[in-house]
Amino acid sequence: MTHKFVIMVNGQLNTYFNYEDIPDKFDHVIEFRPEISAGPHSEDEHEQISAWNDKLQLLIQKETARFGND
């Protein structure tokens, strides 16, 4: 399993497998599916898993800012 992020950019759906490849400007987040291994998880893995929510929230903020929907 790998990461999968589907992002609408200029009306077209683009699939990214690396979070860092997602452009700064886009229309919508369609699918956000980071790879998370089956547990049990170490403390470091828990921190990495928790960081995915922060990354999703950042994308949502960019999406909202683009359309002025505060």
N, C-alpha and C. Protein backbone atom coordinates (compact mmCIF):
# COMPACT_ATOMS: atom_id res chain seq x y z
N MET A 1 0.84 -1.18 0.00
CA MET A 1 0.00 0.00 0.00
C MET A 1 0.89 1.25 0.00
N THR A 2 0.45 2.26 -0.71
CA THR A 2 1.18 3.52 -0.76
C THR A 2 0.21 4.66 -0.45
N HIS A 3 0.79 5.83 -0.22
CA HIS A 3 -0.04 7.01 -0.04
C HIS A 3 -0.82 7.27 -1.33
N LYS A 4 -2.00 7.88 -1.19
CA LYS A 4 -2.77 8.29 -2.37
C LYS A 4 -3.52 9.56 -2.03
N PHE A 5 -3.25 10.60 -2.82
CA PHE A 5 -3.90 11.89 -2.64
C PHE A 5 -4.47 12.31 -3.99
N VAL A 6 -5.78 12.46 -4.07
CA VAL A 6 -6.41 12.91 -5.30
C VAL A 6 -6.82 14.36 -5.09
N ILE A 7 -6.31 15.22 -5.94
CA ILE A 7 -6.49 16.66 -5.81
C ILE A 7 -7.00 17.21 -7.13
N MET A 8 -8.04 18.06 -7.07
CA MET A 8 -8.52 18.71 -8.28
C MET A 8 -7.72 19.99 -8.49
N VAL A 9 -7.08 20.06 -9.66
CA VAL A 9 -6.27 21.21 -10.03
C VAL A 9 -6.79 21.72 -11.38
N ASN A 10 -7.27 22.96 -11.38
CA ASN A 10 -7.81 23.55 -12.61
C ASN A 10 -8.88 22.66 -13.24
N GLY A 11 -9.74 22.09 -12.40
CA GLY A 11 -10.85 21.27 -12.88
C GLY A 11 -10.49 19.85 -13.26
N GLN A 12 -9.23 19.45 -13.13
CA GLN A 12 -8.81 18.10 -13.47
C GLN A 12 -8.36 17.36 -12.22
N LEU A 13 -8.71 16.06 -12.16
CA LEU A 13 -8.28 15.25 -11.03
C LEU A 13 -6.86 14.76 -11.26
N ASN A 14 -6.01 15.01 -10.30
CA ASN A 14 -4.62 14.55 -10.33
C ASN A 14 -4.36 13.68 -9.11
N THR A 15 -3.67 12.58 -9.32
CA THR A 15 -3.33 11.68 -8.22
C THR A 15 -1.85 11.83 -7.90
N TYR A 16 -1.58 11.98 -6.61
CA TYR A 16 -0.21 12.12 -6.11
C TYR A 16 0.04 10.99 -5.12
N PHE A 17 1.24 10.47 -5.14
CA PHE A 17 1.61 9.40 -4.21
C PHE A 17 2.61 9.90 -3.18
N ASN A 18 3.02 11.16 -3.31
CA ASN A 18 3.94 11.79 -2.38
C ASN A 18 3.32 13.11 -1.96
N TYR A 19 3.08 13.30 -0.68
CA TYR A 19 2.43 14.51 -0.18
C TYR A 19 3.14 15.78 -0.66
N GLU A 20 4.46 15.74 -0.69
CA GLU A 20 5.23 16.92 -1.07
C GLU A 20 5.02 17.33 -2.53
N ASP A 21 4.47 16.45 -3.35
CA ASP A 21 4.21 16.75 -4.76
C ASP A 21 2.91 17.53 -4.97
N ILE A 22 2.08 17.62 -3.95
CA ILE A 22 0.81 18.33 -4.07
C ILE A 22 1.12 19.82 -4.26
N PRO A 23 0.55 20.44 -5.30
CA PRO A 23 0.85 21.86 -5.53
C PRO A 23 0.25 22.75 -4.44
N ASP A 24 0.80 23.94 -4.31
CA ASP A 24 0.29 24.89 -3.32
C ASP A 24 -1.08 25.43 -3.69
N LYS A 25 -1.33 25.53 -4.99
CA LYS A 25 -2.62 26.06 -5.44
C LYS A 25 -3.40 24.93 -6.12
N PHE A 26 -4.61 24.71 -5.66
CA PHE A 26 -5.45 23.64 -6.20
C PHE A 26 -6.90 24.00 -5.90
N ASP A 27 -7.82 23.26 -6.51
CA ASP A 27 -9.24 23.54 -6.33
C ASP A 27 -9.82 22.82 -5.10
N HIS A 28 -9.66 21.51 -5.07
CA HIS A 28 -10.29 20.72 -4.00
C HIS A 28 -9.46 19.49 -3.64
N VAL A 29 -9.55 19.11 -2.39
CA VAL A 29 -9.02 17.81 -1.95
C VAL A 29 -10.15 16.81 -2.18
N ILE A 30 -9.90 15.81 -2.99
CA ILE A 30 -10.90 14.80 -3.29
C ILE A 30 -10.70 13.55 -2.44
N GLU A 31 -9.47 13.11 -2.35
CA GLU A 31 -9.16 11.91 -1.55
C GLU A 31 -7.83 12.13 -0.83
N PHE A 32 -7.81 11.81 0.44
CA PHE A 32 -6.60 11.94 1.26
C PHE A 32 -6.42 10.61 1.97
N ARG A 33 -5.50 9.80 1.45
CA ARG A 33 -5.32 8.47 2.01
C ARG A 33 -3.84 8.16 2.23
N PRO A 34 -3.29 8.62 3.36
CA PRO A 34 -1.90 8.27 3.65
C PRO A 34 -1.79 6.81 4.06
N GLU A 35 -0.65 6.23 3.78
CA GLU A 35 -0.41 4.85 4.19
C GLU A 35 -0.12 4.82 5.69
N ILE A 36 -0.87 4.02 6.39
CA ILE A 36 -0.65 3.83 7.83
C ILE A 36 -0.58 2.34 8.08
N SER A 37 0.56 1.89 8.54
CA SER A 37 0.76 0.46 8.76
C SER A 37 -0.10 -0.03 9.93
N ALA A 38 -0.36 -1.32 9.90
CA ALA A 38 -1.11 -1.95 10.98
C ALA A 38 -0.30 -1.88 12.27
N GLY A 39 -0.99 -1.74 13.38
CA GLY A 39 -0.33 -1.64 14.68
C GLY A 39 0.14 -2.99 15.16
N PRO A 40 0.72 -3.03 16.32
CA PRO A 40 0.91 -1.90 17.23
C PRO A 40 2.00 -0.96 16.70
N HIS A 41 1.89 0.30 17.13
CA HIS A 41 2.79 1.34 16.67
C HIS A 41 3.70 1.82 17.80
N SER A 42 4.88 2.23 17.41
CA SER A 42 5.81 2.83 18.37
C SER A 42 5.37 4.26 18.64
N GLU A 43 5.99 4.89 19.59
CA GLU A 43 5.67 6.30 19.90
C GLU A 43 5.98 7.19 18.70
N ASP A 44 7.09 6.93 18.02
CA ASP A 44 7.45 7.70 16.82
C ASP A 44 6.39 7.52 15.73
N GLU A 45 5.93 6.30 15.55
CA GLU A 45 4.89 6.05 14.55
C GLU A 45 3.60 6.77 14.90
N HIS A 46 3.26 6.82 16.17
CA HIS A 46 2.06 7.56 16.60
C HIS A 46 2.19 9.03 16.25
N GLU A 47 3.38 9.59 16.44
CA GLU A 47 3.61 11.00 16.09
C GLU A 47 3.47 11.22 14.59
N GLN A 48 4.00 10.29 13.78
CA GLN A 48 3.88 10.40 12.33
C GLN A 48 2.42 10.29 11.89
N ILE A 49 1.69 9.39 12.50
CA ILE A 49 0.26 9.22 12.17
C ILE A 49 -0.50 10.48 12.53
N SER A 50 -0.22 11.03 13.69
CA SER A 50 -0.87 12.26 14.13
C SER A 50 -0.58 13.42 13.18
N ALA A 51 0.61 13.46 12.62
CA ALA A 51 1.00 14.54 11.71
C ALA A 51 0.15 14.54 10.44
N TRP A 52 -0.39 13.39 10.04
CA TRP A 52 -1.22 13.35 8.83
C TRP A 52 -2.46 14.22 8.99
N ASN A 53 -3.04 14.26 10.17
CA ASN A 53 -4.21 15.12 10.38
C ASN A 53 -3.82 16.59 10.20
N ASP A 54 -2.67 16.97 10.71
CA ASP A 54 -2.20 18.35 10.54
C ASP A 54 -2.01 18.68 9.06
N LYS A 55 -1.47 17.73 8.30
CA LYS A 55 -1.27 17.95 6.87
C LYS A 55 -2.60 18.09 6.14
N LEU A 56 -3.57 17.27 6.51
CA LEU A 56 -4.91 17.39 5.91
C LEU A 56 -5.53 18.74 6.24
N GLN A 57 -5.42 19.16 7.47
CA GLN A 57 -5.99 20.45 7.88
C GLN A 57 -5.33 21.60 7.11
N LEU A 58 -4.04 21.50 6.85
CA LEU A 58 -3.34 22.52 6.06
C LEU A 58 -3.90 22.58 4.64
N LEU A 59 -4.12 21.42 4.04
CA LEU A 59 -4.71 21.40 2.69
C LEU A 59 -6.12 22.00 2.70
N ILE A 60 -6.90 21.69 3.71
CA ILE A 60 -8.26 22.24 3.81
C ILE A 60 -8.21 23.76 3.94
N GLN A 61 -7.27 24.25 4.71
CA GLN A 61 -7.12 25.71 4.85
C GLN A 61 -6.77 26.36 3.52
N LYS A 62 -5.87 25.73 2.76
CA LYS A 62 -5.50 26.26 1.45
C LYS A 62 -6.71 26.24 0.52
N GLU A 63 -7.47 25.18 0.55
CA GLU A 63 -8.65 25.05 -0.29
C GLU A 63 -9.67 26.14 0.06
N THR A 64 -9.92 26.33 1.34
CA THR A 64 -10.88 27.32 1.81
C THR A 64 -10.42 28.73 1.45
N ALA A 65 -9.13 29.01 1.64
CA ALA A 65 -8.59 30.33 1.34
C ALA A 65 -8.71 30.64 -0.14
N ARG A 66 -8.54 29.65 -0.97
CA ARG A 66 -8.60 29.83 -2.43
C ARG A 66 -9.98 30.34 -2.85
N PHE A 67 -11.01 29.87 -2.18
CA PHE A 67 -12.37 30.24 -2.55
C PHE A 67 -12.99 31.25 -1.61
N GLY A 68 -12.21 31.72 -0.62
CA GLY A 68 -12.70 32.75 0.29
C GLY A 68 -13.86 32.32 1.14
N ASN A 69 -13.88 31.05 1.53
CA ASN A 69 -14.97 30.51 2.35
C ASN A 69 -14.51 30.35 3.80
N ASP A 70 -14.20 31.42 4.46
CA ASP A 70 -13.67 31.32 5.83
C ASP A 70 -14.68 30.76 6.75
